[in-house]
Amino acid sequence: MNLILAFIDAHMDYLWEGDRYSVVGSQSRSSNGGDALLVVESPTLRLRFVRDRGQLLLDFQPAAEHRDEWWSVDLVRRLLLGRPEPSAVLDESYAAFLGEHLTEVEARFGAERWPATRDELKKLKVRRSKEMWG
């Protein structure tokens, strides 16, 4: 959990400005080398930070969504910027991207635009899979 919190503190403190996001869930397992999960949420968007085998990952979901369907940061950045990403591991460039585009990401995951966004993300996920595996 410490790695997640340190990363957010160093690179994503904009999440806490104006009480925009709040922590809604967490979980950690010291027996698995420090694997952890932290979920933060705004009225529109839910973010899931995961530490898995020493790597940080970030996934997105509409706050109104109640199914277990999450969308990785590389797909969300590809959706907005139109280019494939080499990795889904959370790093400073993804944090900077989200800081610059958070309002647009929230709008895309909002109730009005979510159905179209979901369709686009599904297509990008298939395209990414074909690019990776042929």
Protein backbone atom coordinates (compact mmCIF):
# COMPACT_ATOMS: atom_id res chain seq x y z
CA MET A 1 0.00 0.00 0.00
CA ASN A 2 2.89 2.33 0.77
CA LEU A 3 4.03 2.30 -2.87
CA ILE A 4 0.56 3.31 -4.08
CA LEU A 5 0.22 6.10 -1.55
CA ALA A 6 3.75 7.38 -2.22
CA PHE A 7 3.10 7.45 -5.97
CA ILE A 8 -0.17 9.34 -5.59
CA ASP A 9 1.45 11.78 -3.17
CA ALA A 10 4.38 12.41 -5.52
CA HIS A 11 2.56 12.52 -8.87
CA MET A 12 -1.21 12.69 -8.49
CA ASP A 13 -2.02 15.00 -5.60
CA TYR A 14 -4.45 16.79 -7.94
CA LEU A 15 -6.95 14.04 -7.09
CA TRP A 16 -7.44 15.55 -3.63
CA GLU A 17 -7.88 19.18 -4.74
CA GLY A 18 -11.29 20.53 -3.77
CA ASP A 19 -12.29 17.17 -2.28
CA ARG A 20 -12.69 15.93 -5.86
CA TYR A 21 -11.89 12.29 -4.97
CA SER A 22 -12.10 10.26 -1.81
CA VAL A 23 -10.88 6.82 -0.79
CA VAL A 24 -13.71 4.28 -0.94
CA GLY A 25 -11.82 1.00 -0.54
CA SER A 26 -8.47 -0.58 0.15
CA GLN A 27 -6.89 -3.95 0.62
CA SER A 28 -3.34 -5.17 1.18
CA ARG A 29 -1.60 -8.49 1.53
CA SER A 30 1.83 -8.51 3.10
CA SER A 31 2.09 -12.24 2.41
CA ASN A 32 2.12 -11.55 -1.35
CA GLY A 33 5.10 -9.23 -1.31
CA GLY A 34 3.07 -6.14 -0.58
CA ASP A 35 0.34 -6.51 -3.19
CA ALA A 36 -2.30 -3.87 -2.56
CA LEU A 37 -5.40 -2.18 -3.90
CA LEU A 38 -6.71 1.35 -3.37
CA VAL A 39 -9.97 2.63 -4.84
CA VAL A 40 -10.76 6.34 -5.05
CA GLU A 41 -13.93 7.84 -6.43
CA SER A 42 -15.54 11.07 -7.54
CA PRO A 43 -19.24 11.44 -8.33
CA THR A 44 -18.40 10.41 -11.92
CA LEU A 45 -15.29 8.26 -11.99
CA ARG A 46 -13.78 5.41 -9.96
CA LEU A 47 -10.01 4.78 -10.04
CA ARG A 48 -8.45 1.51 -8.92
CA PHE A 49 -4.75 1.55 -8.09
CA VAL A 50 -3.21 -1.91 -7.88
CA ARG A 51 0.23 -3.03 -6.80
CA ASP A 52 0.77 -6.48 -8.25
CA ARG A 53 4.16 -8.20 -8.16
CA GLY A 54 5.87 -4.87 -7.56
CA GLN A 55 4.20 -3.04 -10.46
CA LEU A 56 1.63 -0.27 -10.19
CA LEU A 57 -1.47 -0.40 -12.38
CA LEU A 58 -4.39 1.99 -12.75
CA ASP A 59 -7.87 1.10 -13.96
CA PHE A 60 -10.98 3.19 -14.56
CA GLN A 61 -14.69 2.61 -14.15
CA PRO A 62 -17.75 4.86 -14.14
CA ALA A 63 -18.79 5.58 -10.55
CA ALA A 64 -22.33 4.54 -11.43
CA GLU A 65 -21.15 1.18 -12.80
CA HIS A 66 -21.71 -1.88 -10.62
CA ARG A 67 -20.23 -4.63 -12.76
CA ASP A 68 -16.65 -5.82 -12.49
CA GLU A 69 -15.52 -4.18 -15.71
CA TRP A 70 -12.41 -2.01 -15.49
CA TRP A 71 -10.46 -0.20 -18.17
CA SER A 72 -6.68 0.14 -17.98
CA VAL A 73 -4.85 3.47 -18.15
CA ASP A 74 -3.16 2.56 -21.44
CA LEU A 75 -6.55 2.06 -23.11
CA VAL A 76 -7.93 5.31 -21.69
CA ARG A 77 -4.90 7.28 -22.89
CA ARG A 78 -5.15 5.60 -26.29
CA LEU A 79 -8.83 6.55 -26.44
CA LEU A 80 -8.03 10.21 -25.87
CA LEU A 81 -4.72 10.55 -27.72
CA GLY A 82 -5.22 7.99 -30.48
CA ARG A 83 -1.93 6.16 -30.19
CA PRO A 84 -0.99 2.75 -28.82
CA GLU A 85 0.90 2.60 -25.56
CA PRO A 86 3.87 0.30 -24.94
CA SER A 87 2.85 -0.59 -21.38
CA ALA A 88 -0.02 -0.46 -18.91
CA VAL A 89 2.31 -0.02 -15.92
CA LEU A 90 1.50 3.22 -14.09
CA ASP A 91 4.33 5.74 -14.35
CA GLU A 92 4.88 9.49 -14.18
CA SER A 93 3.77 10.01 -17.79
CA TYR A 94 0.39 8.39 -17.11
CA ALA A 95 0.03 10.50 -13.96
CA ALA A 96 0.80 13.67 -15.94
CA PHE A 97 -1.61 12.60 -18.69
CA LEU A 98 -4.42 12.11 -16.18
CA GLY A 99 -3.66 15.43 -14.51
CA GLU A 100 -4.00 17.19 -17.87
CA HIS A 101 -7.04 15.26 -19.09
CA LEU A 102 -8.96 14.38 -15.92
CA THR A 103 -11.95 16.55 -16.80
CA GLU A 104 -12.22 14.93 -20.23
CA VAL A 105 -11.83 11.42 -18.77
CA GLU A 106 -14.58 12.16 -16.27
CA ALA A 107 -16.83 13.43 -19.07
CA ARG A 108 -16.20 10.27 -21.13
CA PHE A 109 -17.07 8.07 -18.14
CA GLY A 110 -20.12 10.16 -17.23
CA ALA A 111 -23.63 8.77 -17.71
CA GLU A 112 -24.35 10.65 -20.94
CA ARG A 113 -21.21 9.60 -22.82
CA TRP A 114 -20.48 6.26 -21.16
CA PRO A 115 -22.27 3.95 -23.64
CA ALA A 116 -20.27 5.32 -26.59
CA THR A 117 -17.05 5.38 -24.55
CA ARG A 118 -17.54 1.77 -23.50
CA ASP A 119 -18.00 0.71 -27.13
CA GLU A 120 -14.82 2.55 -28.14
CA LEU A 121 -12.84 1.03 -25.27
CA LYS A 122 -14.02 -2.47 -26.19
CA LYS A 123 -12.80 -1.95 -29.77
CA LEU A 124 -9.46 -0.62 -28.55
CA LYS A 125 -9.07 -3.61 -26.25
CA VAL A 126 -9.59 -6.00 -29.16
CA ARG A 127 -7.18 -3.99 -31.32
CA ARG A 128 -4.56 -4.01 -28.56
CA SER A 129 -4.90 -7.77 -28.20
CA LYS A 130 -4.44 -8.29 -31.95
CA GLU A 131 -1.39 -6.02 -31.95
CA MET A 132 0.17 -7.93 -29.07
CA TRP A 133 -0.70 -11.46 -30.07
CA GLY A 134 -1.46 -11.29 -33.79
